[in-house]
N, C-alpha and C. Protein backbone atom coordinates (compact mmCIF):
# COMPACT_ATOMS: atom_id res chain seq x y z
N MET A 1 0.83 -1.18 0.00
CA MET A 1 0.00 0.00 0.00
C MET A 1 0.88 1.25 0.00
N ILE A 2 0.60 2.20 -0.88
CA ILE A 2 1.35 3.45 -0.94
C ILE A 2 0.64 4.47 -0.06
N ARG A 3 1.40 5.05 0.83
CA ARG A 3 0.83 6.03 1.75
C ARG A 3 1.14 7.44 1.27
N LYS A 4 0.12 8.22 1.09
CA LYS A 4 0.28 9.61 0.65
C LYS A 4 0.47 10.49 1.88
N GLU A 5 1.54 11.29 1.88
CA GLU A 5 1.84 12.15 3.02
C GLU A 5 0.92 13.37 3.02
N HIS A 6 0.37 13.66 4.17
CA HIS A 6 -0.51 14.83 4.33
C HIS A 6 0.35 16.08 4.46
N GLN A 7 0.05 17.09 3.65
CA GLN A 7 0.79 18.33 3.70
C GLN A 7 -0.16 19.45 4.13
N GLU A 8 0.18 20.10 5.22
CA GLU A 8 -0.63 21.20 5.74
C GLU A 8 -0.42 22.44 4.87
N THR A 9 -1.50 23.11 4.49
CA THR A 9 -1.38 24.30 3.65
C THR A 9 -1.76 25.57 4.40
N GLU A 10 -2.40 25.42 5.55
CA GLU A 10 -2.82 26.58 6.33
C GLU A 10 -2.71 26.24 7.81
N ARG A 11 -2.40 27.25 8.61
CA ARG A 11 -2.23 27.04 10.04
C ARG A 11 -2.77 28.26 10.77
N ILE A 12 -3.49 28.03 11.87
CA ILE A 12 -3.99 29.10 12.72
C ILE A 12 -3.27 28.97 14.06
N ARG A 13 -2.69 30.08 14.51
CA ARG A 13 -1.93 30.06 15.76
C ARG A 13 -2.41 31.17 16.69
N PHE A 14 -2.33 30.90 17.99
CA PHE A 14 -2.58 31.90 19.01
C PHE A 14 -1.27 32.67 19.19
N GLU A 15 -1.29 33.96 18.91
CA GLU A 15 -0.09 34.80 19.05
C GLU A 15 -0.36 35.83 20.13
N ASN A 16 0.57 35.99 21.04
CA ASN A 16 0.38 36.87 22.19
C ASN A 16 1.42 38.01 22.17
N PHE A 17 1.31 38.87 21.18
CA PHE A 17 2.21 40.02 21.06
C PHE A 17 1.47 41.29 21.47
N LEU A 18 2.18 42.21 22.09
CA LEU A 18 1.61 43.54 22.30
C LEU A 18 1.61 44.23 20.95
N PHE A 19 0.54 44.94 20.63
CA PHE A 19 0.39 45.50 19.29
C PHE A 19 1.48 46.51 18.94
N TYR A 20 2.14 47.09 19.92
CA TYR A 20 3.21 48.05 19.62
C TYR A 20 4.60 47.43 19.69
N ASP A 21 4.69 46.11 19.88
CA ASP A 21 5.99 45.41 19.88
C ASP A 21 6.37 45.05 18.46
N TYR A 22 6.62 46.08 17.64
CA TYR A 22 6.86 45.84 16.22
C TYR A 22 8.14 45.05 15.96
N THR A 23 9.18 45.23 16.76
CA THR A 23 10.41 44.46 16.52
C THR A 23 10.20 42.98 16.84
N GLY A 24 9.42 42.69 17.88
CA GLY A 24 9.12 41.30 18.20
C GLY A 24 8.28 40.63 17.12
N ILE A 25 7.31 41.37 16.59
CA ILE A 25 6.45 40.84 15.53
C ILE A 25 7.27 40.62 14.26
N GLU A 26 8.14 41.58 13.91
CA GLU A 26 8.99 41.43 12.72
C GLU A 26 9.86 40.18 12.83
N GLY A 27 10.50 40.00 13.98
CA GLY A 27 11.35 38.82 14.17
C GLY A 27 10.56 37.53 14.09
N HIS A 28 9.36 37.53 14.68
CA HIS A 28 8.51 36.34 14.64
C HIS A 28 8.11 35.99 13.20
N LEU A 29 7.69 37.00 12.43
CA LEU A 29 7.27 36.76 11.05
C LEU A 29 8.44 36.27 10.19
N GLU A 30 9.63 36.80 10.43
CA GLU A 30 10.82 36.35 9.69
C GLU A 30 11.15 34.91 10.03
N ALA A 31 11.04 34.54 11.32
CA ALA A 31 11.30 33.15 11.73
C ALA A 31 10.26 32.20 11.15
N MET A 32 9.00 32.63 11.11
CA MET A 32 7.95 31.79 10.53
C MET A 32 8.18 31.57 9.04
N ALA A 33 8.61 32.62 8.32
CA ALA A 33 8.88 32.49 6.88
C ALA A 33 10.03 31.52 6.64
N GLU A 34 11.03 31.53 7.51
CA GLU A 34 12.14 30.59 7.36
C GLU A 34 11.69 29.15 7.60
N LYS A 35 10.59 28.98 8.36
CA LYS A 35 10.02 27.65 8.59
C LYS A 35 9.00 27.27 7.52
N GLY A 36 8.66 28.23 6.63
CA GLY A 36 7.73 27.93 5.55
C GLY A 36 6.31 28.41 5.79
N TRP A 37 6.13 29.46 6.60
CA TRP A 37 4.79 29.98 6.88
C TRP A 37 4.76 31.49 6.71
N LEU A 38 3.79 31.98 5.93
CA LEU A 38 3.62 33.40 5.65
C LEU A 38 2.29 33.87 6.23
N LEU A 39 2.31 35.00 6.92
CA LEU A 39 1.09 35.54 7.52
C LEU A 39 0.08 35.87 6.43
N LYS A 40 -1.12 35.35 6.59
CA LYS A 40 -2.20 35.57 5.63
C LYS A 40 -3.23 36.56 6.20
N LYS A 41 -3.55 36.42 7.49
CA LYS A 41 -4.52 37.29 8.14
C LYS A 41 -4.17 37.40 9.61
N CYS A 42 -4.25 38.62 10.12
CA CYS A 42 -3.87 38.90 11.50
C CYS A 42 -5.09 39.39 12.26
N GLY A 43 -5.43 38.69 13.33
CA GLY A 43 -6.51 39.12 14.20
C GLY A 43 -5.94 39.57 15.53
N ARG A 44 -6.79 39.78 16.50
CA ARG A 44 -6.31 40.22 17.82
C ARG A 44 -5.43 39.17 18.48
N VAL A 45 -5.86 37.92 18.46
CA VAL A 45 -5.06 36.86 19.09
C VAL A 45 -4.78 35.68 18.16
N PHE A 46 -5.62 35.46 17.16
CA PHE A 46 -5.40 34.35 16.24
C PHE A 46 -4.89 34.87 14.91
N TRP A 47 -3.78 34.30 14.48
CA TRP A 47 -3.16 34.68 13.21
C TRP A 47 -3.21 33.49 12.27
N ARG A 48 -3.57 33.74 11.02
CA ARG A 48 -3.67 32.67 10.02
C ARG A 48 -2.45 32.75 9.10
N TYR A 49 -1.81 31.60 8.90
CA TYR A 49 -0.62 31.51 8.06
C TYR A 49 -0.90 30.57 6.89
N GLU A 50 -0.21 30.80 5.77
CA GLU A 50 -0.30 29.88 4.65
C GLU A 50 1.10 29.32 4.37
N ALA A 51 1.12 28.10 3.87
CA ALA A 51 2.39 27.43 3.59
C ALA A 51 3.06 28.05 2.37
N ILE A 52 4.38 28.27 2.48
CA ILE A 52 5.20 28.77 1.38
C ILE A 52 6.50 27.98 1.40
N PRO A 53 7.29 28.02 0.34
CA PRO A 53 8.62 27.43 0.43
C PRO A 53 9.43 28.20 1.47
N PRO A 54 10.15 27.53 2.37
CA PRO A 54 10.94 28.24 3.37
C PRO A 54 11.90 29.23 2.71
N GLN A 55 11.93 30.46 3.23
CA GLN A 55 12.77 31.49 2.65
C GLN A 55 13.02 32.61 3.64
N LYS A 56 14.06 33.39 3.37
CA LYS A 56 14.36 34.57 4.18
C LYS A 56 13.57 35.74 3.62
N ILE A 57 12.71 36.31 4.45
CA ILE A 57 11.92 37.48 4.06
C ILE A 57 12.09 38.51 5.17
N HIS A 58 12.29 39.76 4.79
CA HIS A 58 12.39 40.85 5.77
C HIS A 58 11.02 41.49 5.92
N PHE A 59 10.58 41.67 7.15
CA PHE A 59 9.29 42.29 7.43
C PHE A 59 9.51 43.63 8.13
N ALA A 60 8.63 44.56 7.87
CA ALA A 60 8.61 45.84 8.58
C ALA A 60 7.18 46.07 9.06
N VAL A 61 7.03 46.30 10.35
CA VAL A 61 5.72 46.51 10.96
C VAL A 61 5.65 47.95 11.44
N THR A 62 4.54 48.60 11.18
CA THR A 62 4.34 49.98 11.60
C THR A 62 3.24 50.04 12.64
N TYR A 63 3.51 50.73 13.72
CA TYR A 63 2.52 50.94 14.78
C TYR A 63 1.86 52.30 14.56
N ARG A 64 0.55 52.31 14.43
CA ARG A 64 -0.20 53.54 14.18
C ARG A 64 -1.21 53.74 15.31
N PRO A 65 -0.83 54.42 16.40
CA PRO A 65 -1.75 54.56 17.54
C PRO A 65 -3.00 55.38 17.24
N GLU A 66 -2.94 56.23 16.21
CA GLU A 66 -4.12 57.05 15.89
C GLU A 66 -5.21 56.27 15.17
N VAL A 67 -4.92 55.08 14.67
CA VAL A 67 -5.92 54.25 13.99
C VAL A 67 -6.60 53.39 15.05
N THR A 68 -7.93 53.41 15.08
CA THR A 68 -8.68 52.65 16.07
C THR A 68 -9.58 51.63 15.39
N ASP A 69 -10.24 50.81 16.18
CA ASP A 69 -11.20 49.84 15.66
C ASP A 69 -12.40 50.52 15.01
N PHE A 70 -12.61 51.78 15.30
CA PHE A 70 -13.76 52.50 14.78
C PHE A 70 -13.49 53.15 13.40
N ASP A 71 -12.25 53.14 12.96
CA ASP A 71 -11.92 53.66 11.64
C ASP A 71 -12.31 52.63 10.58
N LEU A 72 -13.09 53.05 9.61
CA LEU A 72 -13.57 52.10 8.60
C LEU A 72 -12.47 51.71 7.62
N LEU A 73 -11.71 52.65 7.14
CA LEU A 73 -10.67 52.38 6.14
C LEU A 73 -9.35 53.00 6.58
N PRO A 74 -8.62 52.36 7.53
CA PRO A 74 -7.34 52.94 7.93
C PRO A 74 -6.33 52.88 6.80
N ASP A 75 -5.45 53.87 6.75
CA ASP A 75 -4.39 53.90 5.73
C ASP A 75 -3.36 52.82 6.00
């Protein structure tokens, strides 16, 4: 019998970063990309990743304190 290996294409993780810890988030995203995961959607605590070929990617995160949950279309 030939066994087909299951390959995960999406992953949801609980991430506990302070929203203004941009250097911590940048380092985390770079480490995840080296493991083969790219951020697809970011929520308050659950982040969704999609599988990519492992690679070195540089991330830059910007903290915008003037943008709130009540802004419909933040820049």
